[in-house]
PDB file of N, CA and C in Angstrom:
ATOM      1  N   PHE A   1     115.564 136.770 105.101  1.00  0.00           N
ATOM      2  CA  PHE A   1     116.179 135.544 105.585  1.00  0.00           C
ATOM      3  C   PHE A   1     115.145 134.432 105.679  1.00  0.00           C
ATOM      4  N   ALA A   2     113.959 134.745 106.180  1.00  0.00           N
ATOM      5  CA  ALA A   2     112.926 133.730 106.364  1.00  0.00           C
ATOM      6  C   ALA A   2     112.442 133.163 105.042  1.00  0.00           C
ATOM      7  N   LYS A   3     112.555 133.917 103.967  1.00  0.00           N
ATOM      8  CA  LYS A   3     112.087 133.459 102.664  1.00  0.00           C
ATOM      9  C   LYS A   3     113.168 132.698 101.898  1.00  0.00           C
ATOM     10  N   GLY A   4     114.363 132.654 102.432  1.00  0.00           N
ATOM     11  CA  GLY A   4     115.468 131.985 101.750  1.00  0.00           C
ATOM     12  C   GLY A   4     115.318 130.470 101.775  1.00  0.00           C
ATOM     13  N   GLU A   5     116.090 129.801 100.949  1.00  0.00           N
ATOM     14  CA  GLU A   5     116.100 128.342 100.907  1.00  0.00           C
ATOM     15  C   GLU A   5     117.385 127.836 101.538  1.00  0.00           C
ATOM     16  N   THR A   6     117.244 126.780 102.318  1.00  0.00           N
ATOM     17  CA  THR A   6     118.422 126.208 102.962  1.00  0.00           C
ATOM     18  C   THR A   6     118.935 125.038 102.138  1.00  0.00           C
ATOM     19  N   GLU A   7     120.219 124.877 102.163  1.00  0.00           N
ATOM     20  CA  GLU A   7     120.832 123.750 101.471  1.00  0.00           C
ATOM     21  C   GLU A   7     122.021 123.290 102.300  1.00  0.00           C
ATOM     22  N   HIS A   8     121.991 122.016 102.713  1.00  0.00           N
ATOM     23  CA  HIS A   8     123.066 121.406 103.487  1.00  0.00           C
ATOM     24  C   HIS A   8     123.263 122.028 104.865  1.00  0.00           C
ATOM     25  N   VAL A   9     122.216 122.654 105.404  1.00  0.00           N
ATOM     26  CA  VAL A   9     122.282 123.183 106.760  1.00  0.00           C
ATOM     27  C   VAL A   9     121.032 122.749 107.520  1.00  0.00           C
ATOM     28  N   ALA A  10     121.140 122.758 108.840  1.00  0.00           N
ATOM     29  CA  ALA A  10     119.997 122.483 109.708  1.00  0.00           C
ATOM     30  C   ALA A  10     119.773 123.713 110.572  1.00  0.00           C
ATOM     31  N   ILE A  11     118.500 124.016 110.842  1.00  0.00           N
ATOM     32  CA  ILE A  11     118.149 125.157 111.674  1.00  0.00           C
ATOM     33  C   ILE A  11     117.545 124.607 112.956  1.00  0.00           C
ATOM     34  N   SER A  12     118.158 124.951 114.084  1.00  0.00           N
ATOM     35  CA  SER A  12     117.671 124.444 115.371  1.00  0.00           C
ATOM     36  C   SER A  12     116.468 125.258 115.830  1.00  0.00           C
ATOM     37  N   SER A  13     115.796 124.774 116.880  1.00  0.00           N
ATOM     38  CA  SER A  13     114.655 125.501 117.428  1.00  0.00           C
ATOM     39  C   SER A  13     115.089 126.811 118.088  1.00  0.00           C
ATOM     40  N   GLU A  14     116.409 126.958 118.358  1.00  0.00           N
ATOM     41  CA  GLU A  14     116.946 128.212 118.900  1.00  0.00           C
ATOM     42  C   GLU A  14     117.501 129.111 117.793  1.00  0.00           C
ATOM     43  N   ASP A  15     117.200 128.793 116.544  1.00  0.00           N
ATOM     44  CA  ASP A  15     117.621 129.566 115.368  1.00  0.00           C
ATOM     45  C   ASP A  15     119.127 129.529 115.105  1.00  0.00           C
ATOM     46  N   TYR A  16     119.787 128.438 115.478  1.00  0.00           N
ATOM     47  CA  TYR A  16     121.191 128.264 115.149  1.00  0.00           C
ATOM     48  C   TYR A  16     121.294 127.492 113.839  1.00  0.00           C
ATOM     49  N   LEU A  17     122.235 127.865 113.010  1.00  0.00           N
ATOM     50  CA  LEU A  17     122.506 127.143 111.774  1.00  0.00           C
ATOM     51  C   LEU A  17     123.700 126.226 111.986  1.00  0.00           C
ATOM     52  N   THR A  18     123.573 124.983 111.569  1.00  0.00           N
ATOM     53  CA  THR A  18     124.675 124.033 111.624  1.00  0.00           C
ATOM     54  C   THR A  18     124.697 123.253 110.314  1.00  0.00           C
ATOM     55  N   LEU A  19     125.811 122.629 110.049  1.00  0.00           N
ATOM     56  CA  LEU A  19     125.872 121.770 108.877  1.00  0.00           C
ATOM     57  C   LEU A  19     124.949 120.579 109.081  1.00  0.00           C
ATOM     58  N   ALA A  20     124.214 120.246 108.066  1.00  0.00           N
ATOM     59  CA  ALA A  20     123.288 119.111 108.151  1.00  0.00           C
ATOM     60  C   ALA A  20     124.053 117.820 107.884  1.00  0.00           C
ATOM     61  N   PRO A  21     123.563 116.710 108.463  1.00  0.00           N
ATOM     62  CA  PRO A  21     124.208 115.428 108.148  1.00  0.00           C
ATOM     63  C   PRO A  21     123.963 115.072 106.688  1.00  0.00           C
ATOM     64  N   LYS A  22     124.875 114.336 106.134  1.00  0.00           N
ATOM     65  CA  LYS A  22     124.718 113.902 104.756  1.00  0.00           C
ATOM     66  C   LYS A  22     123.626 112.827 104.697  1.00  0.00           C
ATOM     67  N   ILE A  23     122.702 112.998 103.792  1.00  0.00           N
ATOM     68  CA  ILE A  23     121.608 112.056 103.629  1.00  0.00           C
ATOM     69  C   ILE A  23     121.662 111.481 102.219  1.00  0.00           C
ATOM     70  N   THR A  24     121.654 110.152 102.151  1.00  0.00           N
ATOM     71  CA  THR A  24     121.644 109.471 100.861  1.00  0.00           C
ATOM     72  C   THR A  24     120.424 108.569 100.817  1.00  0.00           C
ATOM     73  N   GLU A  25     119.541 108.819  99.876  1.00  0.00           N
ATOM     74  CA  GLU A  25     118.353 107.984  99.743  1.00  0.00           C
ATOM     75  C   GLU A  25     118.737 106.684  99.057  1.00  0.00           C
ATOM     76  N   VAL A  26     118.403 105.569  99.710  1.00  0.00           N
ATOM     77  CA  VAL A  26     118.720 104.260  99.132  1.00  0.00           C
ATOM     78  C   VAL A  26     117.465 103.444  98.856  1.00  0.00           C
ATOM     79  N   LEU A  27     116.356 103.775  99.513  1.00  0.00           N
ATOM     80  CA  LEU A  27     115.075 103.117  99.268  1.00  0.00           C
ATOM     81  C   LEU A  27     113.986 104.170  99.185  1.00  0.00           C
ATOM     82  N   SER A  28     112.987 103.920  98.361  1.00  0.00           N
ATOM     83  CA  SER A  28     111.873 104.858  98.260  1.00  0.00           C
ATOM     84  C   SER A  28     110.630 104.115  97.803  1.00  0.00           C
ATOM     85  N   SER A  29     109.562 104.857  97.646  1.00  0.00           N
ATOM     86  CA  SER A  29     108.310 104.234  97.199  1.00  0.00           C
ATOM     87  C   SER A  29     108.445 103.645  95.794  1.00  0.00           C
ATOM     88  N   LYS A  30     109.360 104.150  95.008  1.00  0.00           N
ATOM     89  CA  LYS A  30     109.559 103.567  93.672  1.00  0.00           C
ATOM     90  C   LYS A  30     110.146 102.156  93.754  1.00  0.00           C
ATOM     91  N   ASP A  31     110.748 101.829  94.913  1.00  0.00           N
ATOM     92  CA  ASP A  31     111.242 100.477  95.158  1.00  0.00           C
ATOM     93  C   ASP A  31     110.150  99.591  95.739  1.00  0.00           C
ATOM     94  N   ASP A  32     108.924 100.121  95.793  1.00  0.00           N
ATOM     95  CA  ASP A  32     107.787  99.404  96.358  1.00  0.00           C
ATOM     96  C   ASP A  32     107.942  99.233  97.863  1.00  0.00           C
ATOM     97  N   VAL A  33     108.609 100.190  98.503  1.00  0.00           N
ATOM     98  CA  VAL A  33     108.783 100.171  99.951  1.00  0.00           C
ATOM     99  C   VAL A  33     107.801 101.156 100.566  1.00  0.00           C
ATOM    100  N   VAL A  34     106.883 100.646 101.383  1.00  0.00           N
ATOM    101  CA  VAL A  34     105.917 101.502 102.054  1.00  0.00           C
ATOM    102  C   VAL A  34     106.528 102.063 103.331  1.00  0.00           C
ATOM    103  N   PHE A  35     107.212 101.197 104.094  1.00  0.00           N
ATOM    104  CA  PHE A  35     107.886 101.641 105.307  1.00  0.00           C
ATOM    105  C   PHE A  35     108.969 100.644 105.685  1.00  0.00           C
ATOM    106  N   VAL A  36     109.896 101.115 106.511  1.00  0.00           N
ATOM    107  CA  VAL A  36     110.968 100.278 107.043  1.00  0.00           C
ATOM    108  C   VAL A  36     110.704 100.114 108.535  1.00  0.00           C
ATOM    109  N   ASN A  37     110.588  98.860 108.984  1.00  0.00           N
ATOM    110  CA  ASN A  37     110.289  98.585 110.391  1.00  0.00           C
ATOM    111  C   ASN A  37     111.520  98.372 111.247  1.00  0.00           C
ATOM    112  N   ALA A  38     112.588  97.850 110.664  1.00  0.00           N
ATOM    113  CA  ALA A  38     113.761  97.517 111.468  1.00  0.00           C
ATOM    114  C   ALA A  38     115.013  97.563 110.601  1.00  0.00           C
ATOM    115  N   LEU A  39     116.127  97.833 111.252  1.00  0.00           N
ATOM    116  CA  LEU A  39     117.439  97.818 110.612  1.00  0.00           C
ATOM    117  C   LEU A  39     118.388  96.980 111.453  1.00  0.00           C
ATOM    118  N   ALA A  40     119.313  96.306 110.789  1.00  0.00           N
ATOM    119  CA  ALA A  40     120.386  95.579 111.476  1.00  0.00           C
ATOM    120  C   ALA A  40     121.639  95.740 110.630  1.00  0.00           C
ATOM    121  N   ALA A  41     122.768  95.911 111.295  1.00  0.00           N
ATOM    122  CA  ALA A  41     124.022  96.145 110.574  1.00  0.00           C
ATOM    123  C   ALA A  41     125.071  95.111 110.953  1.00  0.00           C
ATOM    124  N   THR A  42     125.900  94.772 109.980  1.00  0.00           N
ATOM    125  CA  THR A  42     127.031  93.885 110.220  1.00  0.00           C
ATOM    126  C   THR A  42     128.221  94.712 110.696  1.00  0.00           C
ATOM    127  N   ASP A  43     129.240  94.051 111.189  1.00  0.00           N
ATOM    128  CA  ASP A  43     130.436  94.760 111.650  1.00  0.00           C
ATOM    129  C   ASP A  43     131.142  95.502 110.520  1.00  0.00           C
ATOM    130  N   ASP A  44     130.959  95.035 109.280  1.00  0.00           N
ATOM    131  CA  ASP A  44     131.623  95.695 108.154  1.00  0.00           C
ATOM    132  C   ASP A  44     130.751  96.753 107.480  1.00  0.00           C
ATOM    133  N   GLY A  45     129.629  97.142 108.122  1.00  0.00           N
ATOM    134  CA  GLY A  45     128.837  98.267 107.637  1.00  0.00           C
ATOM    135  C   GLY A  45     127.721  97.956 106.668  1.00  0.00           C
ATOM    136  N   VAL A  46     127.447  96.702 106.397  1.00  0.00           N
ATOM    137  CA  VAL A  46     126.314  96.346 105.548  1.00  0.00           C
ATOM    138  C   VAL A  46     125.059  96.430 106.410  1.00  0.00           C
ATOM    139  N   VAL A  47     124.025  97.077 105.886  1.00  0.00           N
ATOM    140  CA  VAL A  47     122.785  97.277 106.626  1.00  0.00           C
ATOM    141  C   VAL A  47     121.678  96.472 105.962  1.00  0.00           C
ATOM    142  N   TYR A  48     120.853  95.834 106.782  1.00  0.00           N
ATOM    143  CA  TYR A  48     119.687  95.101 106.301  1.00  0.00           C
ATOM    144  C   TYR A  48     118.447  95.836 106.781  1.00  0.00           C
ATOM    145  N   ALA A  49     117.489  96.047 105.877  1.00  0.00           N
ATOM    146  CA  ALA A  49     116.271  96.792 106.182  1.00  0.00           C
ATOM    147  C   ALA A  49     115.056  95.890 106.014  1.00  0.00           C
ATOM    148  N   ALA A  50     114.280  95.754 107.095  1.00  0.00           N
ATOM    149  CA  ALA A  50     113.044  94.965 107.061  1.00  0.00           C
ATOM    150  C   ALA A  50     111.908  95.886 106.666  1.00  0.00           C
ATOM    151  N   THR A  51     111.223  95.544 105.596  1.00  0.00           N
ATOM    152  CA  THR A  51     110.167  96.405 105.082  1.00  0.00           C
ATOM    153  C   THR A  51     108.814  95.712 105.143  1.00  0.00           C
ATOM    154  N   GLY A  52     107.771  96.473 105.052  1.00  0.00           N
ATOM    155  CA  GLY A  52     106.410  95.952 104.975  1.00  0.00           C
ATOM    156  C   GLY A  52     105.800  96.559 103.740  1.00  0.00           C
ATOM    157  N   THR A  53     104.934  96.027 103.202  1.00  0.00           N
ATOM    158  CA  THR A  53     103.916  95.059 103.482  1.00  0.00           C
ATOM    159  C   THR A  53     104.057  93.798 102.618  1.00  0.00           C
ATOM    160  N   LYS A  54     105.223  93.599 102.061  1.00  0.00           N
ATOM    161  CA  LYS A  54     105.422  92.455 101.174  1.00  0.00           C
ATOM    162  C   LYS A  54     106.502  91.505 101.657  1.00  0.00           C
ATOM    163  N   GLY A  55     106.978  91.686 102.874  1.00  0.00           N
ATOM    164  CA  GLY A  55     107.931  90.762 103.462  1.00  0.00           C
ATOM    165  C   GLY A  55     109.304  90.777 102.836  1.00  0.00           C
ATOM    166  N   VAL A  56     109.763  91.940 102.391  1.00  0.00           N
ATOM    167  CA  VAL A  56     111.063  92.033 101.716  1.00  0.00           C
ATOM    168  C   VAL A  56     112.116  92.590 102.667  1.00  0.00           C
ATOM    169  N   ILE A  57     113.287  91.960 102.660  1.00  0.00           N
ATOM    170  CA  ILE A  57     114.453  92.486 103.364  1.00  0.00           C
ATOM    171  C   ILE A  57     115.440  92.955 102.305  1.00  0.00           C
ATOM    172  N   TYR A  58     115.899  94.192 102.450  1.00  0.00           N
ATOM    173  CA  TYR A  58     116.871  94.768 101.533  1.00  0.00           C
ATOM    174  C   TYR A  58     118.250  94.739 102.172  1.00  0.00           C
ATOM    175  N   LYS A  59     119.249  94.554 101.340  1.00  0.00           N
ATOM    176  CA  LYS A  59     120.651  94.620 101.754  1.00  0.00           C
ATOM    177  C   LYS A  59     121.204  95.930 101.208  1.00  0.00           C
ATOM    178  N   ILE A  60     121.774  96.746 102.086  1.00  0.00           N
ATOM    179  CA  ILE A  60     122.286  98.057 101.687  1.00  0.00           C
ATOM    180  C   ILE A  60     123.794  98.068 101.912  1.00  0.00           C
ATOM    181  N   ALA A  61     124.530  98.223 100.829  1.00  0.00           N
ATOM    182  CA  ALA A  61     125.991  98.269 100.895  1.00  0.00           C
ATOM    183  C   ALA A  61     126.496  99.280  99.880  1.00  0.00           C
ATOM    184  N   ASP A  62     127.507 100.008 100.248  1.00  0.00           N
ATOM    185  CA  ASP A  62     128.116 101.006  99.368  1.00  0.00           C
ATOM    186  C   ASP A  62     127.091 101.987  98.810  1.00  0.00           C
ATOM    187  N   GLY A  63     126.094 102.355  99.638  1.00  0.00           N
ATOM    188  CA  GLY A  63     125.103 103.342  99.233  1.00  0.00           C
ATOM    189  C   GLY A  63     124.048 102.836  98.270  1.00  0.00           C
ATOM    190  N   LYS A  64     123.995 101.518  98.057  1.00  0.00           N
ATOM    191  CA  LYS A  64     123.009 100.961  97.135  1.00  0.00           C
ATOM    192  C   LYS A  64     122.227  99.852  97.816  1.00  0.00           C
ATOM    193  N   ALA A  65     120.925  99.813  97.537  1.00  0.00           N
ATOM    194  CA  ALA A  65     120.053  98.791  98.121  1.00  0.00           C
ATOM    195  C   ALA A  65     119.653  97.780  97.058  1.00  0.00           C
ATOM    196  N   GLU A  66     119.592  96.516  97.472  1.00  0.00           N
ATOM    197  CA  GLU A  66     119.099  95.468  96.586  1.00  0.00           C
ATOM    198  C   GLU A  66     118.251  94.504  97.409  1.00  0.00           C
ATOM    199  N   LYS A  67     117.256  93.898  96.766  1.00  0.00           N
ATOM    200  CA  LYS A  67     116.437  92.920  97.464  1.00  0.00           C
ATOM    201  C   LYS A  67     117.321  91.758  97.873  1.00  0.00           C
ATOM    202  N   PHE A  68     117.262  91.422  99.160  1.00  0.00           N
ATOM    203  CA  PHE A  68     118.056  90.319  99.679  1.00  0.00           C
ATOM    204  C   PHE A  68     117.222  89.047  99.753  1.00  0.00           C
ATOM    205  N   THR A  69     116.004  89.164 100.284  1.00  0.00           N
ATOM    206  CA  THR A  69     115.120  88.007 100.373  1.00  0.00           C
ATOM    207  C   THR A  69     113.691  88.474 100.567  1.00  0.00           C
ATOM    208  N   THR A  70     112.769  87.596 100.249  1.00  0.00           N
ATOM    209  CA  THR A  70     111.351  87.823 100.506  1.00  0.00           C
ATOM    210  C   THR A  70     110.845  86.667 101.356  1.00  0.00           C
ATOM    211  N   LEU A  71     110.245  86.994 102.492  1.00  0.00           N
ATOM    212  CA  LEU A  71     109.731  85.970 103.393  1.00  0.00           C
ATOM    213  C   LEU A  71     108.265  85.686 103.084  1.00  0.00           C
ATOM    214  N   GLY A  72     107.792  84.543 103.542  1.00  0.00           N
ATOM    215  CA  GLY A  72     106.394  84.173 103.343  1.00  0.00           C
ATOM    216  C   GLY A  72     105.443  85.051 104.126  1.00  0.00           C
ATOM    217  N   ASP A  73     105.895  85.586 105.257  1.00  0.00           N
ATOM    218  CA  ASP A  73     105.080  86.510 106.039  1.00  0.00           C
ATOM    219  C   ASP A  73     105.287  87.915 105.494  1.00  0.00           C
ATOM    220  N   HIS A  74     104.225  88.680 105.407  1.00  0.00           N
ATOM    221  CA  HIS A  74     104.292  89.982 104.751  1.00  0.00           C
ATOM    222  C   HIS A  74     104.796  91.107 105.638  1.00  0.00           C
ATOM    223  N   HIS A  75     104.743  90.935 106.947  1.00  0.00           N
ATOM    224  CA  HIS A  75     105.142  92.016 107.842  1.00  0.00           C
ATOM    225  C   HIS A  75     106.340  91.586 108.683  1.00  0.00           C
ATOM    226  N   ILE A  76     107.476  92.227 108.428  1.00  0.00           N
ATOM    227  CA  ILE A  76     108.707  91.961 109.183  1.00  0.00           C
ATOM    228  C   ILE A  76     108.898  93.126 110.146  1.00  0.00           C
ATOM    229  N   PHE A  77     108.901  92.828 111.444  1.00  0.00           N
ATOM    230  CA  PHE A  77     108.955  93.886 112.439  1.00  0.00           C
ATOM    231  C   PHE A  77     110.298  94.007 113.145  1.00  0.00           C
ATOM    232  N   SER A  78     111.121  92.977 113.098  1.00  0.00           N
ATOM    233  CA  SER A  78     112.380  93.047 113.831  1.00  0.00           C
ATOM    234  C   SER A  78     113.460  92.233 113.125  1.00  0.00           C
ATOM    235  N   LEU A  79     114.695  92.670 113.296  1.00  0.00           N
ATOM    236  CA  LEU A  79     115.875  91.980 112.769  1.00  0.00           C
ATOM    237  C   LEU A  79     116.913  91.879 113.872  1.00  0.00           C
ATOM    238  N   LEU A  80     117.685  90.808 113.829  1.00  0.00           N
ATOM    239  CA  LEU A  80     118.754  90.632 114.810  1.00  0.00           C
ATOM    240  C   LEU A  80     119.824  89.724 114.225  1.00  0.00           C
ATOM    241  N   PHE A  81     121.073  90.117 114.381  1.00  0.00           N
ATOM    242  CA  PHE A  81     122.182  89.222 114.066  1.00  0.00           C
ATOM    243  C   PHE A  81     122.548  88.476 115.338  1.00  0.00           C
ATOM    244  N   THR A  82     122.642  87.148 115.239  1.00  0.00           N
ATOM    245  CA  THR A  82     123.050  86.350 116.390  1.00  0.00           C
ATOM    246  C   THR A  82     124.556  86.494 116.583  1.00  0.00           C
ATOM    247  N   GLN A  83     125.036  86.017 117.710  1.00  0.00           N
ATOM    248  CA  GLN A  83     126.478  86.071 117.966  1.00  0.00           C
ATOM    249  C   GLN A  83     127.250  85.230 116.960  1.00  0.00           C
ATOM    250  N   GLU A  84     126.572  84.247 116.362  1.00  0.00           N
ATOM    251  CA  GLU A  84     127.203  83.416 115.326  1.00  0.00           C
ATOM    252  C   GLU A  84     127.127  84.055 113.937  1.00  0.00           C
ATOM    253  N   GLY A  85     126.457  85.201 113.830  1.00  0.00           N
ATOM    254  CA  GLY A  85     126.386  85.915 112.561  1.00  0.00           C
ATOM    255  C   GLY A  85     125.170  85.595 111.709  1.00  0.00           C
ATOM    256  N   HIS A  86     124.211  84.847 112.237  1.00  0.00           N
ATOM    257  CA  HIS A  86     122.995  84.544 111.495  1.00  0.00           C
ATOM    258  C   HIS A  86     122.014  85.705 111.621  1.00  0.00           C
ATOM    259  N   LEU A  87     121.294  85.988 110.542  1.00  0.00           N
ATOM    260  CA  LEU A  87     120.272  87.022 110.571  1.00  0.00           C
ATOM    261  C   LEU A  87     118.933  86.383 110.917  1.00  0.00           C
ATOM    262  N   LEU A  88     118.264  86.928 111.944  1.00  0.00           N
ATOM    263  CA  LEU A  88     116.935  86.489 112.326  1.00  0.00           C
ATOM    264  C   LEU A  88     115.956  87.603 111.997  1.00  0.00           C
ATOM    265  N   ALA A  89     114.762  87.225 111.529  1.00  0.00           N
ATOM    266  CA  ALA A  89     113.717  88.196 111.204  1.00  0.00           C
ATOM    267  C   ALA A  89     112.449  87.816 111.942  1.00  0.00           C
ATOM    268  N   GLY A  90     111.929  88.744 112.745  1.00  0.00           N
ATOM    269  CA  GLY A  90     110.688  88.525 113.479  1.00  0.00           C
ATOM    270  C   GLY A  90     109.522  89.088 112.696  1.00  0.00           C
ATOM    271  N   THR A  91     108.478  88.270 112.533  1.00  0.00           N
ATOM    272  CA  THR A  91     107.338  88.664 111.716  1.00  0.00           C
ATOM    273  C   THR A  91     106.061  88.629 112.543  1.00  0.00           C
ATOM    274  N   GLY A  92     104.972  88.999 111.908  1.00  0.00           N
ATOM    275  CA  GLY A  92     103.703  88.968 112.606  1.00  0.00           C
ATOM    276  C   GLY A  92     102.541  89.235 111.688  1.00  0.00           C
ATOM    277  N   GLY A  93     101.381  89.152 112.282  1.00  0.00           N
ATOM    278  CA  GLY A  93     100.132  89.308 111.564  1.00  0.00           C
ATOM    279  C   GLY A  93      99.223  88.165 111.944  1.00  0.00           C
ATOM    280  N   SER A  94      99.279  87.117 111.174  1.00  0.00           N
ATOM    281  CA  SER A  94      98.471  85.941 111.500  1.00  0.00           C
ATOM    282  C   SER A  94      99.149  85.070 112.557  1.00  0.00           C
ATOM    283  N   ALA A  95     100.470  85.069 112.588  1.00  0.00           N
ATOM    284  CA  ALA A  95     101.232  84.283 113.565  1.00  0.00           C
ATOM    285  C   ALA A  95     102.574  84.964 113.814  1.00  0.00           C
ATOM    286  N   ALA A  96     103.105  84.761 115.022  1.00  0.00           N
ATOM    287  CA  ALA A  96     104.414  85.313 115.369  1.00  0.00           C
ATOM    288  C   ALA A  96     105.479  84.282 115.028  1.00  0.00           C
ATOM    289  N   ARG A  97     106.315  84.597 114.047  1.00  0.00           N
ATOM    290  CA  ARG A  97     107.365  83.671 113.622  1.00  0.00           C
ATOM    291  C   ARG A  97     108.714  84.383 113.592  1.00  0.00           C
ATOM    292  N   ILE A  98     109.749  83.588 113.786  1.00  0.00           N
ATOM    293  CA  ILE A  98     111.114  84.065 113.610  1.00  0.00           C
ATOM    294  C   ILE A  98     111.742  83.207 112.527  1.00  0.00           C
ATOM    295  N   PHE A  99     112.285  83.874 111.502  1.00  0.00           N
ATOM    296  CA  PHE A  99     112.947  83.177 110.406  1.00  0.00           C
ATOM    297  C   PHE A  99     114.452  83.321 110.559  1.00  0.00           C
ATOM    298  N   LYS A 100     115.167  82.257 110.245  1.00  0.00           N
ATOM    299  CA  LYS A 100     116.630  82.283 110.187  1.00  0.00           C
ATOM    300  C   LYS A 100     116.989  82.406 108.709  1.00  0.00           C
ATOM    301  N   ILE A 101     117.811  83.397 108.393  1.00  0.00           N
ATOM    302  CA  ILE A 101     118.116  83.706 106.999  1.00  0.00           C
ATOM    303  C   ILE A 101     119.587  83.444 106.722  1.00  0.00           C
ATOM    304  N   GLY A 102     119.844  82.667 105.681  1.00  0.00           N
ATOM    305  CA  GLY A 102     121.206  82.334 105.295  1.00  0.00           C
ATOM    306  C   GLY A 102     121.878  83.461 104.531  1.00  0.00           C
ATOM    307  N   ALA A 103     123.170  83.345 104.358  1.00  0.00           N
ATOM    308  CA  ALA A 103     123.944  84.362 103.643  1.00  0.00           C
ATOM    309  C   ALA A 103     123.492  84.520 102.202  1.00  0.00           C
ATOM    310  N   ASP A 104     122.870  83.467 101.647  1.00  0.00           N
ATOM    311  CA  ASP A 104     122.381  83.529 100.268  1.00  0.00           C
ATOM    312  C   ASP A 104     120.935  84.012 100.178  1.00  0.00           C
ATOM    313  N   GLY A 105     120.319  84.374 101.323  1.00  0.00           N
ATOM    314  CA  GLY A 105     118.941  84.852 101.338  1.00  0.00           C
ATOM    315  C   GLY A 105     117.911  83.763 101.563  1.00  0.00           C
ATOM    316  N   SER A 106     118.341  82.510 101.623  1.00  0.00           N
ATOM    317  CA  SER A 106     117.391  81.429 101.889  1.00  0.00           C
ATOM    318  C   SER A 106     116.910  81.524 103.334  1.00  0.00           C
ATOM    319  N   SER A 107     115.665  81.101 103.572  1.00  0.00           N
ATOM    320  CA  SER A 107     115.130  81.227 104.920  1.00  0.00           C
ATOM    321  C   SER A 107     114.439  79.950 105.366  1.00  0.00           C
ATOM    322  N   THR A 108     114.496  79.716 106.670  1.00  0.00           N
ATOM    323  CA  THR A 108     113.782  78.616 107.303  1.00  0.00           C
ATOM    324  C   THR A 108     113.100  79.165 108.547  1.00  0.00           C
ATOM    325  N   THR A 109     111.999  78.535 108.934  1.00  0.00           N
ATOM    326  CA  THR A 109     111.324  78.947 110.163  1.00  0.00           C
ATOM    327  C   THR A 109     112.170  78.488 111.346  1.00  0.00           C
ATOM    328  N   PHE A 110     112.595  79.431 112.144  1.00  0.00           N
ATOM    329  CA  PHE A 110     113.418  79.167 113.317  1.00  0.00           C
ATOM    330  C   PHE A 110     112.534  78.901 114.530  1.00  0.00           C
ATOM    331  N   ALA A 111     111.438  79.666 114.654  1.00  0.00           N
ATOM    332  CA  ALA A 111     110.518  79.489 115.773  1.00  0.00           C
ATOM    333  C   ALA A 111     109.162  80.065 115.419  1.00  0.00           C
ATOM    334  N   GLU A 112     108.124  79.464 115.972  1.00  0.00           N
ATOM    335  CA  GLU A 112     106.779  80.023 115.912  1.00  0.00           C
ATOM    336  C   GLU A 112     106.289  80.099 117.349  1.00  0.00           C
ATOM    337  N   ILE A 113     105.860  81.284 117.745  1.00  0.00           N
ATOM    338  CA  ILE A 113     105.527  81.529 119.138  1.00  0.00           C
ATOM    339  C   ILE A 113     104.020  81.375 119.331  1.00  0.00           C
ATOM    340  N   GLU A 114     103.644  80.318 120.025  1.00  0.00           N
ATOM    341  CA  GLU A 114     102.227  80.027 120.246  1.00  0.00           C
ATOM    342  C   GLU A 114     101.581  81.108 121.111  1.00  0.00           C
ATOM    343  N   GLY A 115     100.370  81.488 120.737  1.00  0.00           N
ATOM    344  CA  GLY A 115      99.614  82.468 121.506  1.00  0.00           C
ATOM    345  C   GLY A 115      99.982  83.907 121.223  1.00  0.00           C
ATOM    346  N   ALA A 116     100.962  84.140 120.379  1.00  0.00           N
ATOM    347  CA  ALA A 116     101.369  85.510 120.029  1.00  0.00           C
ATOM    348  C   ALA A 116     101.083  85.746 118.550  1.00  0.00           C
ATOM    349  N   ARG A 117     100.928  87.013 118.198  1.00  0.00           N
ATOM    350  CA  ARG A 117     100.701  87.344 116.795  1.00  0.00           C
ATOM    351  C   ARG A 117     101.839  88.153 116.175  1.00  0.00           C
ATOM    352  N   TYR A 118     102.733  88.700 116.994  1.00  0.00           N
ATOM    353  CA  TYR A 118     103.790  89.568 116.476  1.00  0.00           C
ATOM    354  C   TYR A 118     105.100  89.325 117.215  1.00  0.00           C
ATOM    355  N   VAL A 119     106.206  89.499 116.506  1.00  0.00           N
ATOM    356  CA  VAL A 119     107.534  89.562 117.116  1.00  0.00           C
ATOM    357  C   VAL A 119     108.005  90.994 116.890  1.00  0.00           C
ATOM    358  N   TRP A 120     107.703  91.846 117.859  1.00  0.00           N
ATOM    359  CA  TRP A 120     108.001  93.269 117.711  1.00  0.00           C
ATOM    360  C   TRP A 120     109.483  93.571 117.831  1.00  0.00           C
ATOM    361  N   ALA A 121     110.191  92.832 118.676  1.00  0.00           N
ATOM    362  CA  ALA A 121     111.610  93.110 118.908  1.00  0.00           C
ATOM    363  C   ALA A 121     112.312  91.843 119.356  1.00  0.00           C
ATOM    364  N   MET A 122     113.613  91.802 119.140  1.00  0.00           N
ATOM    365  CA  MET A 122     114.450  90.684 119.586  1.00  0.00           C
ATOM    366  C   MET A 122     115.740  91.268 120.149  1.00  0.00           C
ATOM    367  N   THR A 123     116.376  90.516 121.030  1.00  0.00           N
ATOM    368  CA  THR A 123     117.653  90.952 121.570  1.00  0.00           C
ATOM    369  C   THR A 123     118.539  89.742 121.807  1.00  0.00           C
ATOM    370  N   ASP A 124     119.822  89.990 121.795  1.00  0.00           N
ATOM    371  CA  ASP A 124     120.791  88.946 122.117  1.00  0.00           C
ATOM    372  C   ASP A 124     121.167  89.016 123.595  1.00  0.00           C
ATOM    373  N   ARG A 125     120.511  89.860 124.334  1.00  0.00           N
ATOM    374  CA  ARG A 125     120.661  90.100 125.765  1.00  0.00           C
ATOM    375  C   ARG A 125     121.918  90.885 126.121  1.00  0.00           C
ATOM    376  N   LYS A 126     122.914  90.934 125.294  1.00  0.00           N
ATOM    377  CA  LYS A 126     124.108  91.700 125.641  1.00  0.00           C
ATOM    378  C   LYS A 126     123.876  93.201 125.441  1.00  0.00           C
ATOM    379  N   SER A 127     122.817  93.574 124.720  1.00  0.00           N
ATOM    380  CA  SER A 127     122.565  94.987 124.430  1.00  0.00           C
ATOM    381  C   SER A 127     121.476  95.591 125.284  1.00  0.00           C
ATOM    382  N   VAL A 128     120.862  94.829 126.166  1.00  0.00           N
ATOM    383  CA  VAL A 128     119.741  95.333 126.945  1.00  0.00           C
ATOM    384  C   VAL A 128     120.250  96.225 128.067  1.00  0.00           C
ATOM    385  N   VAL A 129     119.601  97.357 128.235  1.00  0.00           N
ATOM    386  CA  VAL A 129     119.955  98.264 129.342  1.00  0.00           C
ATOM    387  C   VAL A 129     118.784  98.430 130.265  1.00  0.00           C
TER     388      VAL A 129
END
């Protein structure tokens, strides 16, 4: 049993077998993605992934990822949809900036935070516990 191969099952630390969740790879190193720092989803299930080290945000819909936009800052650490439906991206490195991103992928600087170097997280305050 120990030498067998598992497929579509998960083994717990108590040696229980259960069905594994379905996993679909949508981004990988072949997409030039080193890591994903943040995810944000729309009400209709579209997911946006903030990646580093080239400042790219991917749009993931129907199991497929495509480049949505590239920001001038190379490290995107946080994403947030505003109550009005705008996508905000928090960046960092040399300066802490928040970009407002349009539905077409165009971006403008929404805020630059003096004295800070990173925007690690953002909230709309309704989700804070």
